[in-house]
mmCIF file of all heavy atoms, coordinates in Angstrom:
data_MODEL
# 
_entry.id   MODEL 
# 
loop_
_atom_site.group_PDB 
_atom_site.id 
_atom_site.type_symbol 
_atom_site.label_atom_id 
_atom_site.label_alt_id 
_atom_site.label_comp_id 
_atom_site.label_asym_id 
_atom_site.label_entity_id 
_atom_site.label_seq_id 
_atom_site.pdbx_PDB_ins_code 
_atom_site.Cartn_x 
_atom_site.Cartn_y 
_atom_site.Cartn_z 
_atom_site.occupancy 
_atom_site.B_iso_or_equiv 
_atom_site.pdbx_formal_charge 
_atom_site.auth_seq_id 
_atom_site.auth_comp_id 
_atom_site.auth_asym_id 
_atom_site.auth_atom_id 
_atom_site.pdbx_PDB_model_num 
ATOM 1   N N   . LEU A 1 1  ? 16.908 -23.218 9.791  1.00 0.00 ? 1  LEU A N   1 
ATOM 2   C CA  . LEU A 1 1  ? 17.314 -22.595 8.528  1.00 0.00 ? 1  LEU A CA  1 
ATOM 3   C C   . LEU A 1 1  ? 16.116 -21.972 7.823  1.00 0.00 ? 1  LEU A C   1 
ATOM 4   O O   . LEU A 1 1  ? 16.191 -20.851 7.309  1.00 0.00 ? 1  LEU A O   1 
ATOM 5   C CB  . LEU A 1 1  ? 17.969 -23.640 7.624  1.00 0.00 ? 1  LEU A CB  1 
ATOM 6   C CG  . LEU A 1 1  ? 19.252 -24.304 8.169  1.00 0.00 ? 1  LEU A CG  1 
ATOM 7   C CD1 . LEU A 1 1  ? 19.727 -25.367 7.195  1.00 0.00 ? 1  LEU A CD1 1 
ATOM 8   C CD2 . LEU A 1 1  ? 20.332 -23.256 8.408  1.00 0.00 ? 1  LEU A CD2 1 
ATOM 9   N N   . LEU A 1 2  ? 14.981 -22.697 7.817  1.00 0.00 ? 2  LEU A N   1 
ATOM 10  C CA  . LEU A 1 2  ? 13.781 -22.175 7.175  1.00 0.00 ? 2  LEU A CA  1 
ATOM 11  C C   . LEU A 1 2  ? 13.247 -20.967 7.910  1.00 0.00 ? 2  LEU A C   1 
ATOM 12  O O   . LEU A 1 2  ? 12.785 -19.999 7.312  1.00 0.00 ? 2  LEU A O   1 
ATOM 13  C CB  . LEU A 1 2  ? 12.712 -23.269 7.086  1.00 0.00 ? 2  LEU A CB  1 
ATOM 14  C CG  . LEU A 1 2  ? 13.031 -24.417 6.139  1.00 0.00 ? 2  LEU A CG  1 
ATOM 15  C CD1 . LEU A 1 2  ? 11.959 -25.498 6.243  1.00 0.00 ? 2  LEU A CD1 1 
ATOM 16  C CD2 . LEU A 1 2  ? 13.129 -23.912 4.708  1.00 0.00 ? 2  LEU A CD2 1 
ATOM 17  N N   . ALA A 1 3  ? 13.295 -21.022 9.256  1.00 0.00 ? 3  ALA A N   1 
ATOM 18  C CA  . ALA A 1 3  ? 12.816 -19.882 10.042 1.00 0.00 ? 3  ALA A CA  1 
ATOM 19  C C   . ALA A 1 3  ? 13.656 -18.646 9.747  1.00 0.00 ? 3  ALA A C   1 
ATOM 20  O O   . ALA A 1 3  ? 13.140 -17.532 9.592  1.00 0.00 ? 3  ALA A O   1 
ATOM 21  C CB  . ALA A 1 3  ? 12.871 -20.224 11.529 1.00 0.00 ? 3  ALA A CB  1 
ATOM 22  N N   . ALA A 1 4  ? 14.984 -18.856 9.665  1.00 0.00 ? 4  ALA A N   1 
ATOM 23  C CA  . ALA A 1 4  ? 15.863 -17.729 9.355  1.00 0.00 ? 4  ALA A CA  1 
ATOM 24  C C   . ALA A 1 4  ? 15.597 -17.194 7.956  1.00 0.00 ? 4  ALA A C   1 
ATOM 25  O O   . ALA A 1 4  ? 15.584 -15.978 7.726  1.00 0.00 ? 4  ALA A O   1 
ATOM 26  C CB  . ALA A 1 4  ? 17.327 -18.173 9.480  1.00 0.00 ? 4  ALA A CB  1 
ATOM 27  N N   . ALA A 1 5  ? 15.375 -18.120 7.017  1.00 0.00 ? 5  ALA A N   1 
ATOM 28  C CA  . ALA A 1 5  ? 15.079 -17.695 5.644  1.00 0.00 ? 5  ALA A CA  1 
ATOM 29  C C   . ALA A 1 5  ? 13.790 -16.907 5.583  1.00 0.00 ? 5  ALA A C   1 
ATOM 30  O O   . ALA A 1 5  ? 13.685 -15.914 4.860  1.00 0.00 ? 5  ALA A O   1 
ATOM 31  C CB  . ALA A 1 5  ? 14.988 -18.924 4.734  1.00 0.00 ? 5  ALA A CB  1 
ATOM 32  N N   . ALA A 1 6  ? 12.794 -17.349 6.358  1.00 0.00 ? 6  ALA A N   1 
ATOM 33  C CA  . ALA A 1 6  ? 11.511 -16.639 6.366  1.00 0.00 ? 6  ALA A CA  1 
ATOM 34  C C   . ALA A 1 6  ? 11.684 -15.239 6.914  1.00 0.00 ? 6  ALA A C   1 
ATOM 35  O O   . ALA A 1 6  ? 11.161 -14.263 6.356  1.00 0.00 ? 6  ALA A O   1 
ATOM 36  C CB  . ALA A 1 6  ? 10.492 -17.415 7.211  1.00 0.00 ? 6  ALA A CB  1 
ATOM 37  N N   . ALA A 1 7  ? 12.420 -15.129 8.024  1.00 0.00 ? 7  ALA A N   1 
ATOM 38  C CA  . ALA A 1 7  ? 12.631 -13.808 8.615  1.00 0.00 ? 7  ALA A CA  1 
ATOM 39  C C   . ALA A 1 7  ? 13.378 -12.895 7.649  1.00 0.00 ? 7  ALA A C   1 
ATOM 40  O O   . ALA A 1 7  ? 13.068 -11.704 7.510  1.00 0.00 ? 7  ALA A O   1 
ATOM 41  C CB  . ALA A 1 7  ? 13.402 -13.949 9.923  1.00 0.00 ? 7  ALA A CB  1 
ATOM 42  N N   . LEU A 1 8  ? 14.387 -13.460 6.966  1.00 0.00 ? 8  LEU A N   1 
ATOM 43  C CA  . LEU A 1 8  ? 15.163 -12.673 6.000  1.00 0.00 ? 8  LEU A CA  1 
ATOM 44  C C   . LEU A 1 8  ? 14.294 -12.223 4.848  1.00 0.00 ? 8  LEU A C   1 
ATOM 45  O O   . LEU A 1 8  ? 14.345 -11.074 4.409  1.00 0.00 ? 8  LEU A O   1 
ATOM 46  C CB  . LEU A 1 8  ? 16.340 -13.512 5.489  1.00 0.00 ? 8  LEU A CB  1 
ATOM 47  C CG  . LEU A 1 8  ? 17.283 -12.820 4.501  1.00 0.00 ? 8  LEU A CG  1 
ATOM 48  C CD1 . LEU A 1 8  ? 17.914 -11.607 5.156  1.00 0.00 ? 8  LEU A CD1 1 
ATOM 49  C CD2 . LEU A 1 8  ? 18.345 -13.793 4.010  1.00 0.00 ? 8  LEU A CD2 1 
ATOM 50  N N   . ALA A 1 9  ? 13.428 -13.149 4.344  1.00 0.00 ? 9  ALA A N   1 
ATOM 51  C CA  . ALA A 1 9  ? 12.556 -12.812 3.216  1.00 0.00 ? 9  ALA A CA  1 
ATOM 52  C C   . ALA A 1 9  ? 11.615 -11.687 3.578  1.00 0.00 ? 9  ALA A C   1 
ATOM 53  O O   . ALA A 1 9  ? 11.362 -10.781 2.786  1.00 0.00 ? 9  ALA A O   1 
ATOM 54  C CB  . ALA A 1 9  ? 11.766 -14.041 2.784  1.00 0.00 ? 9  ALA A CB  1 
ATOM 55  N N   . ILE A 1 10 ? 11.078 -11.717 4.804  1.00 0.00 ? 10 ILE A N   1 
ATOM 56  C CA  . ILE A 1 10 ? 10.123 -10.692 5.210  1.00 0.00 ? 10 ILE A CA  1 
ATOM 57  C C   . ILE A 1 10 ? 10.830 -9.374  5.476  1.00 0.00 ? 10 ILE A C   1 
ATOM 58  O O   . ILE A 1 10 ? 10.373 -8.312  5.084  1.00 0.00 ? 10 ILE A O   1 
ATOM 59  C CB  . ILE A 1 10 ? 9.332  -11.177 6.444  1.00 0.00 ? 10 ILE A CB  1 
ATOM 60  C CG1 . ILE A 1 10 ? 8.440  -12.360 6.026  1.00 0.00 ? 10 ILE A CG1 1 
ATOM 61  C CG2 . ILE A 1 10 ? 8.487  -10.076 7.039  1.00 0.00 ? 10 ILE A CG2 1 
ATOM 62  C CD1 . ILE A 1 10 ? 7.888  -13.140 7.180  1.00 0.00 ? 10 ILE A CD1 1 
ATOM 63  N N   . SER A 1 11 ? 12.013 -9.443  6.135  1.00 0.00 ? 11 SER A N   1 
ATOM 64  C CA  . SER A 1 11 ? 12.736 -8.200  6.414  1.00 0.00 ? 11 SER A CA  1 
ATOM 65  C C   . SER A 1 11 ? 13.241 -7.546  5.142  1.00 0.00 ? 11 SER A C   1 
ATOM 66  O O   . SER A 1 11 ? 13.492 -6.345  5.109  1.00 0.00 ? 11 SER A O   1 
ATOM 67  C CB  . SER A 1 11 ? 13.916 -8.489  7.357  1.00 0.00 ? 11 SER A CB  1 
ATOM 68  O OG  . SER A 1 11 ? 14.869 -9.321  6.716  1.00 0.00 ? 11 SER A OG  1 
ATOM 69  N N   . ALA A 1 12 ? 13.384 -8.343  4.075  1.00 0.00 ? 12 ALA A N   1 
ATOM 70  C CA  . ALA A 1 12 ? 13.893 -7.809  2.807  1.00 0.00 ? 12 ALA A CA  1 
ATOM 71  C C   . ALA A 1 12 ? 12.816 -7.117  1.983  1.00 0.00 ? 12 ALA A C   1 
ATOM 72  O O   . ALA A 1 12 ? 13.089 -6.609  0.913  1.00 0.00 ? 12 ALA A O   1 
ATOM 73  C CB  . ALA A 1 12 ? 14.522 -8.939  1.990  1.00 0.00 ? 12 ALA A CB  1 
ATOM 74  N N   . LEU A 1 13 ? 11.576 -7.093  2.482  1.00 0.00 ? 13 LEU A N   1 
ATOM 75  C CA  . LEU A 1 13 ? 10.518 -6.445  1.729  1.00 0.00 ? 13 LEU A CA  1 
ATOM 76  C C   . LEU A 1 13 ? 10.816 -4.965  1.583  1.00 0.00 ? 13 LEU A C   1 
ATOM 77  O O   . LEU A 1 13 ? 11.278 -4.311  2.522  1.00 0.00 ? 13 LEU A O   1 
ATOM 78  C CB  . LEU A 1 13 ? 9.169  -6.609  2.452  1.00 0.00 ? 13 LEU A CB  1 
ATOM 79  C CG  . LEU A 1 13 ? 8.589  -8.015  2.489  1.00 0.00 ? 13 LEU A CG  1 
ATOM 80  C CD1 . LEU A 1 13 ? 7.434  -8.068  3.477  1.00 0.00 ? 13 LEU A CD1 1 
ATOM 81  C CD2 . LEU A 1 13 ? 8.107  -8.415  1.108  1.00 0.00 ? 13 LEU A CD2 1 
ATOM 82  N N   . PRO A 1 14 ? 10.542 -4.378  0.399  1.00 0.00 ? 14 PRO A N   1 
ATOM 83  C CA  . PRO A 1 14 ? 10.774 -2.951  0.237  1.00 0.00 ? 14 PRO A CA  1 
ATOM 84  C C   . PRO A 1 14 ? 9.754  -2.154  1.053  1.00 0.00 ? 14 PRO A C   1 
ATOM 85  O O   . PRO A 1 14 ? 8.578  -2.465  1.076  1.00 0.00 ? 14 PRO A O   1 
ATOM 86  C CB  . PRO A 1 14 ? 10.559 -2.737  -1.276 1.00 0.00 ? 14 PRO A CB  1 
ATOM 87  C CG  . PRO A 1 14 ? 9.678  -3.864  -1.698 1.00 0.00 ? 14 PRO A CG  1 
ATOM 88  C CD  . PRO A 1 14 ? 10.017 -5.009  -0.818 1.00 0.00 ? 14 PRO A CD  1 
ATOM 89  N N   . HIS A 1 15 ? 10.193 -1.156  1.774  1.00 0.00 ? 15 HIS A N   1 
ATOM 90  C CA  . HIS A 1 15 ? 9.309  -0.340  2.604  1.00 0.00 ? 15 HIS A CA  1 
ATOM 91  C C   . HIS A 1 15 ? 9.419  1.121   2.175  1.00 0.00 ? 15 HIS A C   1 
ATOM 92  O O   . HIS A 1 15 ? 10.387 1.796   2.482  1.00 0.00 ? 15 HIS A O   1 
ATOM 93  C CB  . HIS A 1 15 ? 9.674  -0.475  4.086  1.00 0.00 ? 15 HIS A CB  1 
ATOM 94  C CG  . HIS A 1 15 ? 9.456  -1.859  4.613  1.00 0.00 ? 15 HIS A CG  1 
ATOM 95  N ND1 . HIS A 1 15 ? 8.216  -2.363  4.902  1.00 0.00 ? 15 HIS A ND1 1 
ATOM 96  C CD2 . HIS A 1 15 ? 10.342 -2.853  4.894  1.00 0.00 ? 15 HIS A CD2 1 
ATOM 97  C CE1 . HIS A 1 15 ? 8.320  -3.600  5.357  1.00 0.00 ? 15 HIS A CE1 1 
ATOM 98  N NE2 . HIS A 1 15 ? 9.602  -3.928  5.339  1.00 0.00 ? 15 HIS A NE2 1 
ATOM 99  N N   . ALA A 1 16 ? 8.413  1.579   1.454  1.00 0.00 ? 16 ALA A N   1 
ATOM 100 C CA  . ALA A 1 16 ? 8.351  3.004   1.157  1.00 0.00 ? 16 ALA A CA  1 
ATOM 101 C C   . ALA A 1 16 ? 7.948  3.737   2.420  1.00 0.00 ? 16 ALA A C   1 
ATOM 102 O O   . ALA A 1 16 ? 7.411  3.145   3.356  1.00 0.00 ? 16 ALA A O   1 
ATOM 103 C CB  . ALA A 1 16 ? 7.340  3.246   0.037  1.00 0.00 ? 16 ALA A CB  1 
ATOM 104 N N   . ALA A 1 17 ? 8.200  5.029   2.469  1.00 0.00 ? 17 ALA A N   1 
ATOM 105 C CA  . ALA A 1 17 ? 7.842  5.813   3.644  1.00 0.00 ? 17 ALA A CA  1 
ATOM 106 C C   . ALA A 1 17 ? 6.344  5.685   3.896  1.00 0.00 ? 17 ALA A C   1 
ATOM 107 O O   . ALA A 1 17 ? 5.534  5.947   3.017  1.00 0.00 ? 17 ALA A O   1 
ATOM 108 C CB  . ALA A 1 17 ? 8.230  7.272   3.416  1.00 0.00 ? 17 ALA A CB  1 
ATOM 109 N N   . GLY A 1 18 ? 5.983  5.276   5.119  1.00 0.00 ? 18 GLY A N   1 
ATOM 110 C CA  . GLY A 1 18 ? 4.576  5.150   5.474  1.00 0.00 ? 18 GLY A CA  1 
ATOM 111 C C   . GLY A 1 18 ? 3.905  3.913   4.948  1.00 0.00 ? 18 GLY A C   1 
ATOM 112 O O   . GLY A 1 18 ? 2.712  3.709   5.186  1.00 0.00 ? 18 GLY A O   1 
ATOM 113 N N   . ALA A 1 19 ? 4.637  3.063   4.218  1.00 0.00 ? 19 ALA A N   1 
ATOM 114 C CA  . ALA A 1 19 ? 4.025  1.857   3.667  1.00 0.00 ? 19 ALA A CA  1 
ATOM 115 C C   . ALA A 1 19 ? 3.739  0.864   4.781  1.00 0.00 ? 19 ALA A C   1 
ATOM 116 O O   . ALA A 1 19 ? 4.459  0.783   5.773  1.00 0.00 ? 19 ALA A O   1 
ATOM 117 C CB  . ALA A 1 19 ? 4.959  1.229   2.628  1.00 0.00 ? 19 ALA A CB  1 
ATOM 118 N N   . LYS A 1 20 ? 2.660  0.101   4.598  1.00 0.00 ? 20 LYS A N   1 
ATOM 119 C CA  . LYS A 1 20 ? 2.237  -0.861  5.615  1.00 0.00 ? 20 LYS A CA  1 
ATOM 120 C C   . LYS A 1 20 ? 2.373  -2.284  5.082  1.00 0.00 ? 20 LYS A C   1 
ATOM 121 O O   . LYS A 1 20 ? 1.907  -2.590  3.987  1.00 0.00 ? 20 LYS A O   1 
ATOM 122 C CB  . LYS A 1 20 ? 0.787  -0.601  6.012  1.00 0.00 ? 20 LYS A CB  1 
ATOM 123 C CG  . LYS A 1 20 ? 0.553  0.760   6.642  1.00 0.00 ? 20 LYS A CG  1 
ATOM 124 C CD  . LYS A 1 20 ? -0.932 0.958   6.958  1.00 0.00 ? 20 LYS A CD  1 
ATOM 125 C CE  . LYS A 1 20 ? -1.190 2.330   7.544  1.00 0.00 ? 20 LYS A CE  1 
ATOM 126 N NZ  . LYS A 1 20 ? -2.636 2.521   7.841  1.00 0.00 ? 20 LYS A NZ  1 
ATOM 127 N N   . THR A 1 21 ? 2.997  -3.140  5.883  1.00 0.00 ? 21 THR A N   1 
ATOM 128 C CA  . THR A 1 21 ? 3.146  -4.554  5.548  1.00 0.00 ? 21 THR A CA  1 
ATOM 129 C C   . THR A 1 21 ? 2.443  -5.393  6.603  1.00 0.00 ? 21 THR A C   1 
ATOM 130 O O   . THR A 1 21 ? 2.729  -5.258  7.793  1.00 0.00 ? 21 THR A O   1 
ATOM 131 C CB  . THR A 1 21 ? 4.637  -4.947  5.479  1.00 0.00 ? 21 THR A CB  1 
ATOM 132 O OG1 . THR A 1 21 ? 5.259  -4.238  4.419  1.00 0.00 ? 21 THR A OG1 1 
ATOM 133 C CG2 . THR A 1 21 ? 4.787  -6.445  5.234  1.00 0.00 ? 21 THR A CG2 1 
ATOM 134 N N   . LEU A 1 22 ? 1.534  -6.236  6.170  1.00 0.00 ? 22 LEU A N   1 
ATOM 135 C CA  . LEU A 1 22 ? 0.854  -7.153  7.085  1.00 0.00 ? 22 LEU A CA  1 
ATOM 136 C C   . LEU A 1 22 ? 1.345  -8.569  6.807  1.00 0.00 ? 22 LEU A C   1 
ATOM 137 O O   . LEU A 1 22 ? 1.359  -9.011  5.660  1.00 0.00 ? 22 LEU A O   1 
ATOM 138 C CB  . LEU A 1 22 ? -0.664 -7.079  6.927  1.00 0.00 ? 22 LEU A CB  1 
ATOM 139 C CG  . LEU A 1 22 ? -1.454 -7.920  7.941  1.00 0.00 ? 22 LEU A CG  1 
ATOM 140 C CD1 . LEU A 1 22 ? -2.686 -7.159  8.440  1.00 0.00 ? 22 LEU A CD1 1 
ATOM 141 C CD2 . LEU A 1 22 ? -1.889 -9.255  7.352  1.00 0.00 ? 22 LEU A CD2 1 
ATOM 142 N N   . VAL A 1 23 ? 1.752  -9.271  7.865  1.00 0.00 ? 23 VAL A N   1 
ATOM 143 C CA  . VAL A 1 23 ? 2.266  -10.628 7.735  1.00 0.00 ? 23 VAL A CA  1 
ATOM 144 C C   . VAL A 1 23 ? 1.270  -11.591 8.390  1.00 0.00 ? 23 VAL A C   1 
ATOM 145 O O   . VAL A 1 23 ? 0.903  -11.418 9.553  1.00 0.00 ? 23 VAL A O   1 
ATOM 146 C CB  . VAL A 1 23 ? 3.654  -10.777 8.381  1.00 0.00 ? 23 VAL A CB  1 
ATOM 147 C CG1 . VAL A 1 23 ? 4.167  -12.209 8.217  1.00 0.00 ? 23 VAL A CG1 1 
ATOM 148 C CG2 . VAL A 1 23 ? 4.640  -9.790  7.765  1.00 0.00 ? 23 VAL A CG2 1 
ATOM 149 N N   . TYR A 1 24 ? 0.861  -12.585 7.623  1.00 0.00 ? 24 TYR A N   1 
ATOM 150 C CA  . TYR A 1 24 ? -0.043 -13.630 8.107  1.00 0.00 ? 24 TYR A CA  1 
ATOM 151 C C   . TYR A 1 24 ? 0.743  -14.917 8.260  1.00 0.00 ? 24 TYR A C   1 
ATOM 152 O O   . TYR A 1 24 ? 1.336  -15.414 7.296  1.00 0.00 ? 24 TYR A O   1 
ATOM 153 C CB  . TYR A 1 24 ? -1.196 -13.805 7.108  1.00 0.00 ? 24 TYR A CB  1 
ATOM 154 C CG  . TYR A 1 24 ? -2.010 -15.054 7.299  1.00 0.00 ? 24 TYR A CG  1 
ATOM 155 C CD1 . TYR A 1 24 ? -2.657 -15.318 8.500  1.00 0.00 ? 24 TYR A CD1 1 
ATOM 156 C CD2 . TYR A 1 24 ? -2.132 -15.982 6.260  1.00 0.00 ? 24 TYR A CD2 1 
ATOM 157 C CE1 . TYR A 1 24 ? -3.398 -16.475 8.660  1.00 0.00 ? 24 TYR A CE1 1 
ATOM 158 C CE2 . TYR A 1 24 ? -2.883 -17.135 6.418  1.00 0.00 ? 24 TYR A CE2 1 
ATOM 159 C CZ  . TYR A 1 24 ? -3.512 -17.382 7.620  1.00 0.00 ? 24 TYR A CZ  1 
ATOM 160 O OH  . TYR A 1 24 ? -4.254 -18.524 7.789  1.00 0.00 ? 24 TYR A OH  1 
ATOM 161 N N   . CYS A 1 25 ? 0.783  -15.476 9.463  1.00 0.00 ? 25 CYS A N   1 
ATOM 162 C CA  . CYS A 1 25 ? 1.458  -16.753 9.685  1.00 0.00 ? 25 CYS A CA  1 
ATOM 163 C C   . CYS A 1 25 ? 0.502  -17.874 9.305  1.00 0.00 ? 25 CYS A C   1 
ATOM 164 O O   . CYS A 1 25 ? -0.419 -18.207 10.071 1.00 0.00 ? 25 CYS A O   1 
ATOM 165 C CB  . CYS A 1 25 ? 1.887  -16.884 11.149 1.00 0.00 ? 25 CYS A CB  1 
ATOM 166 S SG  . CYS A 1 25 ? 3.475  -16.117 11.504 1.00 0.00 ? 25 CYS A SG  1 
ATOM 167 N N   . SER A 1 26 ? 0.714  -18.446 8.135  1.00 0.00 ? 26 SER A N   1 
ATOM 168 C CA  . SER A 1 26 ? -0.161 -19.510 7.632  1.00 0.00 ? 26 SER A CA  1 
ATOM 169 C C   . SER A 1 26 ? 0.396  -20.865 8.030  1.00 0.00 ? 26 SER A C   1 
ATOM 170 O O   . SER A 1 26 ? 1.546  -20.982 8.449  1.00 0.00 ? 26 SER A O   1 
ATOM 171 C CB  . SER A 1 26 ? -0.302 -19.411 6.114  1.00 0.00 ? 26 SER A CB  1 
ATOM 172 O OG  . SER A 1 26 ? 0.915  -19.744 5.486  1.00 0.00 ? 26 SER A OG  1 
ATOM 173 N N   . GLU A 1 27 ? -0.441 -21.917 7.871  1.00 0.00 ? 27 GLU A N   1 
ATOM 174 C CA  . GLU A 1 27 ? -0.081 -23.213 8.405  1.00 0.00 ? 27 GLU A CA  1 
ATOM 175 C C   . GLU A 1 27 ? 0.614  -24.136 7.422  1.00 0.00 ? 27 GLU A C   1 
ATOM 176 O O   . GLU A 1 27 ? 1.080  -25.211 7.801  1.00 0.00 ? 27 GLU A O   1 
ATOM 177 C CB  . GLU A 1 27 ? -1.329 -23.917 8.966  1.00 0.00 ? 27 GLU A CB  1 
ATOM 178 C CG  . GLU A 1 27 ? -2.291 -24.442 7.924  1.00 0.00 ? 27 GLU A CG  1 
ATOM 179 C CD  . GLU A 1 27 ? -3.255 -23.417 7.364  1.00 0.00 ? 27 GLU A CD  1 
ATOM 180 O OE1 . GLU A 1 27 ? -2.950 -22.199 7.428  1.00 0.00 ? 27 GLU A OE1 1 
ATOM 181 O OE2 . GLU A 1 27 ? -4.304 -23.829 6.825  1.00 0.00 ? 27 GLU A OE2 1 
# 
């Protein structure tokens, strides 16, 4: 459930044209 929530939270980030999103998997 948490993994799915994390994926949903990240996919829900707003993406402007050409915008760059960097994701860091922290511990």
